[in-house]
Amino acid sequence: MGWATFAIFVLGIANFAMGKAVFESGHPLFARLPHSSQLLSRRASFFTEFVVLCLALALSVEGWPGLALAYAGYTALNALATWLVLTGRL
């Protein structure tokens, strides 16, 4: 396993943790949704995150180490959005 694959894996864990934190934050936007919609949006979000992570890992293993930088940028944007939601700025 190369450094890019390891970096993407660690960043993927961070992305899942940020997603969980947002969904468990009790943000008013989620509170207004019916329970079934909350469950569906959570599952869709985690499924999408899983697909993106799997594709990034697969490409990095196949010789695209630069993809780790792109995935790091994606994680940075995700962190910014998470910060905005958790601090009540959004």
PDB file of N, CA and C in Angstrom:
ATOM      1  N   MET A   1       0.857  -1.169   0.000  1.00  0.00           N
ATOM      2  CA  MET A   1       0.000   0.000   0.000  1.00  0.00           C
ATOM      3  C   MET A   1       0.902   1.231   0.000  1.00  0.00           C
ATOM      4  N   GLY A   2       0.661   2.121  -0.942  1.00  0.00           N
ATOM      5  CA  GLY A   2       1.453   3.332  -1.059  1.00  0.00           C
ATOM      6  C   GLY A   2       0.962   4.432  -0.139  1.00  0.00           C
ATOM      7  N   TRP A   3       1.721   5.503  -0.106  1.00  0.00           N
ATOM      8  CA  TRP A   3       1.374   6.632   0.756  1.00  0.00           C
ATOM      9  C   TRP A   3       0.046   7.257   0.340  1.00  0.00           C
ATOM     10  N   ALA A   4      -0.226   7.301  -0.982  1.00  0.00           N
ATOM     11  CA  ALA A   4      -1.473   7.913  -1.459  1.00  0.00           C
ATOM     12  C   ALA A   4      -2.683   7.109  -1.006  1.00  0.00           C
ATOM     13  N   THR A   5      -2.579   5.802  -1.077  1.00  0.00           N
ATOM     14  CA  THR A   5      -3.682   4.949  -0.652  1.00  0.00           C
ATOM     15  C   THR A   5      -3.937   5.101   0.840  1.00  0.00           C
ATOM     16  N   PHE A   6      -2.864   5.137   1.616  1.00  0.00           N
ATOM     17  CA  PHE A   6      -3.004   5.317   3.060  1.00  0.00           C
ATOM     18  C   PHE A   6      -3.615   6.673   3.380  1.00  0.00           C
ATOM     19  N   ALA A   7      -3.164   7.726   2.697  1.00  0.00           N
ATOM     20  CA  ALA A   7      -3.698   9.075   2.939  1.00  0.00           C
ATOM     21  C   ALA A   7      -5.183   9.140   2.597  1.00  0.00           C
ATOM     22  N   ILE A   8      -5.567   8.560   1.477  1.00  0.00           N
ATOM     23  CA  ILE A   8      -6.978   8.566   1.081  1.00  0.00           C
ATOM     24  C   ILE A   8      -7.814   7.793   2.090  1.00  0.00           C
ATOM     25  N   PHE A   9      -7.299   6.673   2.571  1.00  0.00           N
ATOM     26  CA  PHE A   9      -8.028   5.886   3.563  1.00  0.00           C
ATOM     27  C   PHE A   9      -8.264   6.701   4.837  1.00  0.00           C
ATOM     28  N   VAL A  10      -7.231   7.367   5.329  1.00  0.00           N
ATOM     29  CA  VAL A  10      -7.360   8.172   6.556  1.00  0.00           C
ATOM     30  C   VAL A  10      -8.317   9.342   6.327  1.00  0.00           C
ATOM     31  N   LEU A  11      -8.201  10.004   5.176  1.00  0.00           N
ATOM     32  CA  LEU A  11      -9.114  11.106   4.871  1.00  0.00           C
ATOM     33  C   LEU A  11     -10.553  10.605   4.733  1.00  0.00           C
ATOM     34  N   GLY A  12     -10.718   9.390   4.215  1.00  0.00           N
ATOM     35  CA  GLY A  12     -12.058   8.811   4.107  1.00  0.00           C
ATOM     36  C   GLY A  12     -12.694   8.607   5.473  1.00  0.00           C
ATOM     37  N   ILE A  13     -11.896   8.149   6.438  1.00  0.00           N
ATOM     38  CA  ILE A  13     -12.407   8.002   7.805  1.00  0.00           C
ATOM     39  C   ILE A  13     -12.850   9.360   8.342  1.00  0.00           C
ATOM     40  N   ALA A  14     -12.047  10.389   8.071  1.00  0.00           N
ATOM     41  CA  ALA A  14     -12.402  11.741   8.517  1.00  0.00           C
ATOM     42  C   ALA A  14     -13.700  12.210   7.865  1.00  0.00           C
ATOM     43  N   ASN A  15     -13.886  11.914   6.582  1.00  0.00           N
ATOM     44  CA  ASN A  15     -15.114  12.315   5.899  1.00  0.00           C
ATOM     45  C   ASN A  15     -16.342  11.636   6.493  1.00  0.00           C
ATOM     46  N   PHE A  16     -16.226  10.354   6.802  1.00  0.00           N
ATOM     47  CA  PHE A  16     -17.350   9.656   7.426  1.00  0.00           C
ATOM     48  C   PHE A  16     -17.645  10.233   8.809  1.00  0.00           C
ATOM     49  N   ALA A  17     -16.616  10.559   9.562  1.00  0.00           N
ATOM     50  CA  ALA A  17     -16.809  11.139  10.896  1.00  0.00           C
ATOM     51  C   ALA A  17     -17.480  12.508  10.804  1.00  0.00           C
ATOM     52  N   MET A  18     -17.078  13.306   9.827  1.00  0.00           N
ATOM     53  CA  MET A  18     -17.710  14.620   9.658  1.00  0.00           C
ATOM     54  C   MET A  18     -19.176  14.475   9.262  1.00  0.00           C
ATOM     55  N   GLY A  19     -19.454  13.520   8.392  1.00  0.00           N
ATOM     56  CA  GLY A  19     -20.845  13.298   7.998  1.00  0.00           C
ATOM     57  C   GLY A  19     -21.699  12.878   9.181  1.00  0.00           C
ATOM     58  N   LYS A  20     -21.165  11.992  10.002  1.00  0.00           N
ATOM     59  CA  LYS A  20     -21.903  11.560  11.191  1.00  0.00           C
ATOM     60  C   LYS A  20     -22.131  12.729  12.137  1.00  0.00           C
ATOM     61  N   ALA A  21     -21.129  13.566  12.313  1.00  0.00           N
ATOM     62  CA  ALA A  21     -21.259  14.719  13.205  1.00  0.00           C
ATOM     63  C   ALA A  21     -22.342  15.686  12.717  1.00  0.00           C
ATOM     64  N   VAL A  22     -22.408  15.884  11.425  1.00  0.00           N
ATOM     65  CA  VAL A  22     -23.427  16.789  10.874  1.00  0.00           C
ATOM     66  C   VAL A  22     -24.818  16.213  11.085  1.00  0.00           C
ATOM     67  N   PHE A  23     -24.993  14.925  10.812  1.00  0.00           N
ATOM     68  CA  PHE A  23     -26.314  14.330  10.959  1.00  0.00           C
ATOM     69  C   PHE A  23     -26.755  14.248  12.414  1.00  0.00           C
ATOM     70  N   GLU A  24     -25.819  14.123  13.331  1.00  0.00           N
ATOM     71  CA  GLU A  24     -26.170  14.043  14.750  1.00  0.00           C
ATOM     72  C   GLU A  24     -26.158  15.402  15.448  1.00  0.00           C
ATOM     73  N   SER A  25     -25.939  16.477  14.697  1.00  0.00           N
ATOM     74  CA  SER A  25     -25.821  17.806  15.301  1.00  0.00           C
ATOM     75  C   SER A  25     -27.153  18.382  15.748  1.00  0.00           C
ATOM     76  N   GLY A  26     -28.245  17.860  15.241  1.00  0.00           N
ATOM     77  CA  GLY A  26     -29.543  18.428  15.586  1.00  0.00           C
ATOM     78  C   GLY A  26     -29.808  19.741  14.877  1.00  0.00           C
ATOM     79  N   HIS A  27     -29.184  19.941  13.744  1.00  0.00           N
ATOM     80  CA  HIS A  27     -29.363  21.170  12.967  1.00  0.00           C
ATOM     81  C   HIS A  27     -30.839  21.333  12.613  1.00  0.00           C
ATOM     82  N   PRO A  28     -31.363  22.568  12.681  1.00  0.00           N
ATOM     83  CA  PRO A  28     -32.793  22.792  12.400  1.00  0.00           C
ATOM     84  C   PRO A  28     -33.235  22.294  11.023  1.00  0.00           C
ATOM     85  N   LEU A  29     -32.354  22.312  10.058  1.00  0.00           N
ATOM     86  CA  LEU A  29     -32.716  21.830   8.729  1.00  0.00           C
ATOM     87  C   LEU A  29     -33.105  20.357   8.767  1.00  0.00           C
ATOM     88  N   PHE A  30     -32.363  19.567   9.513  1.00  0.00           N
ATOM     89  CA  PHE A  30     -32.667  18.143   9.619  1.00  0.00           C
ATOM     90  C   PHE A  30     -33.846  17.895  10.548  1.00  0.00           C
ATOM     91  N   ALA A  31     -34.003  18.728  11.554  1.00  0.00           N
ATOM     92  CA  ALA A  31     -35.095  18.543  12.510  1.00  0.00           C
ATOM     93  C   ALA A  31     -36.450  18.717  11.838  1.00  0.00           C
ATOM     94  N   ARG A  32     -36.522  19.542  10.804  1.00  0.00           N
ATOM     95  CA  ARG A  32     -37.790  19.784  10.112  1.00  0.00           C
ATOM     96  C   ARG A  32     -38.191  18.654   9.184  1.00  0.00           C
ATOM     97  N   LEU A  33     -37.241  17.798   8.831  1.00  0.00           N
ATOM     98  CA  LEU A  33     -37.546  16.692   7.929  1.00  0.00           C
ATOM     99  C   LEU A  33     -38.250  15.556   8.676  1.00  0.00           C
ATOM    100  N   PRO A  34     -39.156  14.873   8.000  1.00  0.00           N
ATOM    101  CA  PRO A  34     -39.737  13.679   8.614  1.00  0.00           C
ATOM    102  C   PRO A  34     -38.638  12.641   8.857  1.00  0.00           C
ATOM    103  N   HIS A  35     -38.890  11.754   9.810  1.00  0.00           N
ATOM    104  CA  HIS A  35     -37.886  10.756  10.179  1.00  0.00           C
ATOM    105  C   HIS A  35     -37.463   9.906   8.989  1.00  0.00           C
ATOM    106  N   SER A  36     -38.418   9.540   8.136  1.00  0.00           N
ATOM    107  CA  SER A  36     -38.084   8.707   6.975  1.00  0.00           C
ATOM    108  C   SER A  36     -37.152   9.449   6.017  1.00  0.00           C
ATOM    109  N   SER A  37     -37.356  10.737   5.853  1.00  0.00           N
ATOM    110  CA  SER A  37     -36.469  11.530   4.990  1.00  0.00           C
ATOM    111  C   SER A  37     -35.096  11.693   5.607  1.00  0.00           C
ATOM    112  N   GLN A  38     -35.043  11.823   6.921  1.00  0.00           N
ATOM    113  CA  GLN A  38     -33.752  11.912   7.602  1.00  0.00           C
ATOM    114  C   GLN A  38     -32.958  10.629   7.388  1.00  0.00           C
ATOM    115  N   LEU A  39     -33.625   9.514   7.535  1.00  0.00           N
ATOM    116  CA  LEU A  39     -32.967   8.224   7.363  1.00  0.00           C
ATOM    117  C   LEU A  39     -32.492   8.037   5.928  1.00  0.00           C
ATOM    118  N   LEU A  40     -33.329   8.403   4.965  1.00  0.00           N
ATOM    119  CA  LEU A  40     -32.968   8.265   3.557  1.00  0.00           C
ATOM    120  C   LEU A  40     -31.798   9.176   3.200  1.00  0.00           C
ATOM    121  N   SER A  41     -31.817  10.406   3.678  1.00  0.00           N
ATOM    122  CA  SER A  41     -30.728  11.325   3.346  1.00  0.00           C
ATOM    123  C   SER A  41     -29.417  10.880   3.980  1.00  0.00           C
ATOM    124  N   ARG A  42     -29.489  10.343   5.177  1.00  0.00           N
ATOM    125  CA  ARG A  42     -28.276   9.836   5.835  1.00  0.00           C
ATOM    126  C   ARG A  42     -27.694   8.654   5.061  1.00  0.00           C
ATOM    127  N   ARG A  43     -28.555   7.728   4.673  1.00  0.00           N
ATOM    128  CA  ARG A  43     -28.083   6.558   3.924  1.00  0.00           C
ATOM    129  C   ARG A  43     -27.518   6.962   2.564  1.00  0.00           C
ATOM    130  N   ALA A  44     -28.201   7.873   1.873  1.00  0.00           N
ATOM    131  CA  ALA A  44     -27.728   8.324   0.564  1.00  0.00           C
ATOM    132  C   ALA A  44     -26.384   9.036   0.689  1.00  0.00           C
ATOM    133  N   SER A  45     -26.229   9.826   1.727  1.00  0.00           N
ATOM    134  CA  SER A  45     -24.982  10.545   1.942  1.00  0.00           C
ATOM    135  C   SER A  45     -23.829   9.585   2.208  1.00  0.00           C
ATOM    136  N   PHE A  46     -24.053   8.625   3.093  1.00  0.00           N
ATOM    137  CA  PHE A  46     -22.994   7.671   3.407  1.00  0.00           C
ATOM    138  C   PHE A  46     -22.688   6.747   2.230  1.00  0.00           C
ATOM    139  N   PHE A  47     -23.706   6.383   1.470  1.00  0.00           N
ATOM    140  CA  PHE A  47     -23.473   5.551   0.286  1.00  0.00           C
ATOM    141  C   PHE A  47     -22.631   6.308  -0.738  1.00  0.00           C
ATOM    142  N   THR A  48     -22.974   7.578  -0.973  1.00  0.00           N
ATOM    143  CA  THR A  48     -22.212   8.402  -1.911  1.00  0.00           C
ATOM    144  C   THR A  48     -20.773   8.562  -1.442  1.00  0.00           C
ATOM    145  N   GLU A  49     -20.598   8.819  -0.154  1.00  0.00           N
ATOM    146  CA  GLU A  49     -19.255   8.949   0.408  1.00  0.00           C
ATOM    147  C   GLU A  49     -18.461   7.657   0.232  1.00  0.00           C
ATOM    148  N   PHE A  50     -19.109   6.528   0.424  1.00  0.00           N
ATOM    149  CA  PHE A  50     -18.453   5.230   0.260  1.00  0.00           C
ATOM    150  C   PHE A  50     -18.021   5.005  -1.184  1.00  0.00           C
ATOM    151  N   VAL A  51     -18.881   5.356  -2.136  1.00  0.00           N
ATOM    152  CA  VAL A  51     -18.554   5.187  -3.555  1.00  0.00           C
ATOM    153  C   VAL A  51     -17.372   6.074  -3.933  1.00  0.00           C
ATOM    154  N   VAL A  52     -17.386   7.327  -3.487  1.00  0.00           N
ATOM    155  CA  VAL A  52     -16.279   8.239  -3.791  1.00  0.00           C
ATOM    156  C   VAL A  52     -14.980   7.699  -3.192  1.00  0.00           C
ATOM    157  N   LEU A  53     -15.037   7.218  -1.952  1.00  0.00           N
ATOM    158  CA  LEU A  53     -13.851   6.666  -1.302  1.00  0.00           C
ATOM    159  C   LEU A  53     -13.334   5.437  -2.049  1.00  0.00           C
ATOM    160  N   CYS A  54     -14.216   4.538  -2.419  1.00  0.00           N
ATOM    161  CA  CYS A  54     -13.798   3.329  -3.142  1.00  0.00           C
ATOM    162  C   CYS A  54     -13.154   3.669  -4.487  1.00  0.00           C
ATOM    163  N   LEU A  55     -13.740   4.613  -5.205  1.00  0.00           N
ATOM    164  CA  LEU A  55     -13.159   5.011  -6.487  1.00  0.00           C
ATOM    165  C   LEU A  55     -11.796   5.661  -6.295  1.00  0.00           C
ATOM    166  N   ALA A  56     -11.677   6.513  -5.289  1.00  0.00           N
ATOM    167  CA  ALA A  56     -10.387   7.160  -5.032  1.00  0.00           C
ATOM    168  C   ALA A  56      -9.329   6.126  -4.646  1.00  0.00           C
ATOM    169  N   LEU A  57      -9.700   5.176  -3.803  1.00  0.00           N
ATOM    170  CA  LEU A  57      -8.754   4.130  -3.413  1.00  0.00           C
ATOM    171  C   LEU A  57      -8.362   3.263  -4.606  1.00  0.00           C
ATOM    172  N   ALA A  58      -9.337   2.893  -5.424  1.00  0.00           N
ATOM    173  CA  ALA A  58      -9.054   2.047  -6.584  1.00  0.00           C
ATOM    174  C   ALA A  58      -8.126   2.753  -7.562  1.00  0.00           C
ATOM    175  N   LEU A  59      -8.359   4.030  -7.803  1.00  0.00           N
ATOM    176  CA  LEU A  59      -7.509   4.758  -8.729  1.00  0.00           C
ATOM    177  C   LEU A  59      -6.113   4.970  -8.171  1.00  0.00           C
ATOM    178  N   SER A  60      -6.005   5.183  -6.871  1.00  0.00           N
ATOM    179  CA  SER A  60      -4.666   5.379  -6.292  1.00  0.00           C
ATOM    180  C   SER A  60      -3.854   4.085  -6.340  1.00  0.00           C
ATOM    181  N   VAL A  61      -4.515   2.952  -6.162  1.00  0.00           N
ATOM    182  CA  VAL A  61      -3.830   1.659  -6.251  1.00  0.00           C
ATOM    183  C   VAL A  61      -3.386   1.390  -7.687  1.00  0.00           C
ATOM    184  N   GLU A  62      -4.142   1.870  -8.643  1.00  0.00           N
ATOM    185  CA  GLU A  62      -3.816   1.640 -10.059  1.00  0.00           C
ATOM    186  C   GLU A  62      -2.794   2.632 -10.608  1.00  0.00           C
ATOM    187  N   GLY A  63      -2.206   3.455  -9.758  1.00  0.00           N
ATOM    188  CA  GLY A  63      -1.125   4.313 -10.221  1.00  0.00           C
ATOM    189  C   GLY A  63      -1.472   5.776 -10.394  1.00  0.00           C
ATOM    190  N   TRP A  64      -2.460   6.266  -9.681  1.00  0.00           N
ATOM    191  CA  TRP A  64      -2.830   7.673  -9.733  1.00  0.00           C
ATOM    192  C   TRP A  64      -2.569   8.304  -8.370  1.00  0.00           C
ATOM    193  N   PRO A  65      -1.332   8.438  -7.930  1.00  0.00           N
ATOM    194  CA  PRO A  65      -1.063   8.961  -6.592  1.00  0.00           C
ATOM    195  C   PRO A  65      -1.467  10.429  -6.426  1.00  0.00           C
ATOM    196  N   GLY A  66      -1.530  11.171  -7.525  1.00  0.00           N
ATOM    197  CA  GLY A  66      -1.953  12.572  -7.452  1.00  0.00           C
ATOM    198  C   GLY A  66      -3.393  12.727  -7.023  1.00  0.00           C
ATOM    199  N   LEU A  67      -4.142  11.650  -7.120  1.00  0.00           N
ATOM    200  CA  LEU A  67      -5.544  11.695  -6.710  1.00  0.00           C
ATOM    201  C   LEU A  67      -5.671  11.958  -5.212  1.00  0.00           C
ATOM    202  N   ALA A  68      -4.630  11.638  -4.457  1.00  0.00           N
ATOM    203  CA  ALA A  68      -4.650  11.907  -3.015  1.00  0.00           C
ATOM    204  C   ALA A  68      -4.782  13.398  -2.755  1.00  0.00           C
ATOM    205  N   LEU A  69      -4.161  14.214  -3.575  1.00  0.00           N
ATOM    206  CA  LEU A  69      -4.286  15.670  -3.415  1.00  0.00           C
ATOM    207  C   LEU A  69      -5.706  16.134  -3.735  1.00  0.00           C
ATOM    208  N   ALA A  70      -6.292  15.572  -4.769  1.00  0.00           N
ATOM    209  CA  ALA A  70      -7.671  15.920  -5.112  1.00  0.00           C
ATOM    210  C   ALA A  70      -8.623  15.501  -3.996  1.00  0.00           C
ATOM    211  N   TYR A  71      -8.404  14.318  -3.448  1.00  0.00           N
ATOM    212  CA  TYR A  71      -9.260  13.837  -2.360  1.00  0.00           C
ATOM    213  C   TYR A  71      -9.041  14.674  -1.097  1.00  0.00           C
ATOM    214  N   ALA A  72      -7.813  15.148  -0.890  1.00  0.00           N
ATOM    215  CA  ALA A  72      -7.548  16.038   0.239  1.00  0.00           C
ATOM    216  C   ALA A  72      -8.301  17.355   0.072  1.00  0.00           C
ATOM    217  N   GLY A  73      -8.382  17.857  -1.161  1.00  0.00           N
ATOM    218  CA  GLY A  73      -9.169  19.062  -1.425  1.00  0.00           C
ATOM    219  C   GLY A  73     -10.645  18.837  -1.163  1.00  0.00           C
ATOM    220  N   TYR A  74     -11.153  17.687  -1.581  1.00  0.00           N
ATOM    221  CA  TYR A  74     -12.540  17.313  -1.318  1.00  0.00           C
ATOM    222  C   TYR A  74     -12.798  17.247   0.189  1.00  0.00           C
ATOM    223  N   THR A  75     -11.859  16.685   0.926  1.00  0.00           N
ATOM    224  CA  THR A  75     -11.994  16.590   2.376  1.00  0.00           C
ATOM    225  C   THR A  75     -11.959  17.977   3.012  1.00  0.00           C
ATOM    226  N   ALA A  76     -11.129  18.859   2.492  1.00  0.00           N
ATOM    227  CA  ALA A  76     -11.066  20.226   3.019  1.00  0.00           C
ATOM    228  C   ALA A  76     -12.396  20.956   2.814  1.00  0.00           C
ATOM    229  N   LEU A  77     -12.994  20.787   1.646  1.00  0.00           N
ATOM    230  CA  LEU A  77     -14.309  21.404   1.407  1.00  0.00           C
ATOM    231  C   LEU A  77     -15.368  20.789   2.316  1.00  0.00           C
ATOM    232  N   ASN A  78     -15.284  19.496   2.526  1.00  0.00           N
ATOM    233  CA  ASN A  78     -16.199  18.817   3.428  1.00  0.00           C
ATOM    234  C   ASN A  78     -16.022  19.330   4.859  1.00  0.00           C
ATOM    235  N   ALA A  79     -14.780  19.553   5.259  1.00  0.00           N
ATOM    236  CA  ALA A  79     -14.499  20.078   6.598  1.00  0.00           C
ATOM    237  C   ALA A  79     -15.053  21.486   6.751  1.00  0.00           C
ATOM    238  N   LEU A  80     -14.931  22.304   5.709  1.00  0.00           N
ATOM    239  CA  LEU A  80     -15.481  23.664   5.754  1.00  0.00           C
ATOM    240  C   LEU A  80     -16.998  23.628   5.910  1.00  0.00           C
ATOM    241  N   ALA A  81     -17.655  22.781   5.132  1.00  0.00           N
ATOM    242  CA  ALA A  81     -19.112  22.664   5.233  1.00  0.00           C
ATOM    243  C   ALA A  81     -19.529  22.144   6.603  1.00  0.00           C
ATOM    244  N   THR A  82     -18.796  21.188   7.125  1.00  0.00           N
ATOM    245  CA  THR A  82     -19.098  20.659   8.452  1.00  0.00           C
ATOM    246  C   THR A  82     -18.936  21.736   9.518  1.00  0.00           C
ATOM    247  N   TRP A  83     -17.887  22.506   9.417  1.00  0.00           N
ATOM    248  CA  TRP A  83     -17.651  23.597  10.362  1.00  0.00           C
ATOM    249  C   TRP A  83     -18.775  24.622  10.298  1.00  0.00           C
ATOM    250  N   LEU A  84     -19.229  24.957   9.090  1.00  0.00           N
ATOM    251  CA  LEU A  84     -20.318  25.916   8.938  1.00  0.00           C
ATOM    252  C   LEU A  84     -21.604  25.416   9.591  1.00  0.00           C
ATOM    253  N   VAL A  85     -21.895  24.148   9.414  1.00  0.00           N
ATOM    254  CA  VAL A  85     -23.121  23.575  10.002  1.00  0.00           C
ATOM    255  C   VAL A  85     -23.001  23.473  11.520  1.00  0.00           C
ATOM    256  N   LEU A  86     -21.879  22.962  12.018  1.00  0.00           N
ATOM    257  CA  LEU A  86     -21.745  22.724  13.446  1.00  0.00           C
ATOM    258  C   LEU A  86     -21.624  24.007  14.262  1.00  0.00           C
ATOM    259  N   THR A  87     -21.136  25.074  13.652  1.00  0.00           N
ATOM    260  CA  THR A  87     -21.021  26.336  14.384  1.00  0.00           C
ATOM    261  C   THR A  87     -22.245  27.222  14.199  1.00  0.00           C
ATOM    262  N   GLY A  88     -23.221  26.761  13.435  1.00  0.00           N
ATOM    263  CA  GLY A  88     -24.460  27.505  13.250  1.00  0.00           C
ATOM    264  C   GLY A  88     -24.361  28.642  12.255  1.00  0.00           C
ATOM    265  N   ARG A  89     -23.321  28.675  11.466  1.00  0.00           N
ATOM    266  CA  ARG A  89     -23.172  29.725  10.466  1.00  0.00           C
ATOM    267  C   ARG A  89     -23.982  29.450   9.198  1.00  0.00           C
ATOM    268  N   LEU A  90     -24.487  28.256   9.088  1.00  0.00           N
ATOM    269  CA  LEU A  90     -25.276  27.881   7.922  1.00  0.00           C
ATOM    270  C   LEU A  90     -26.644  27.439   8.363  1.00  0.00           C
TER     271      LEU A  90
END
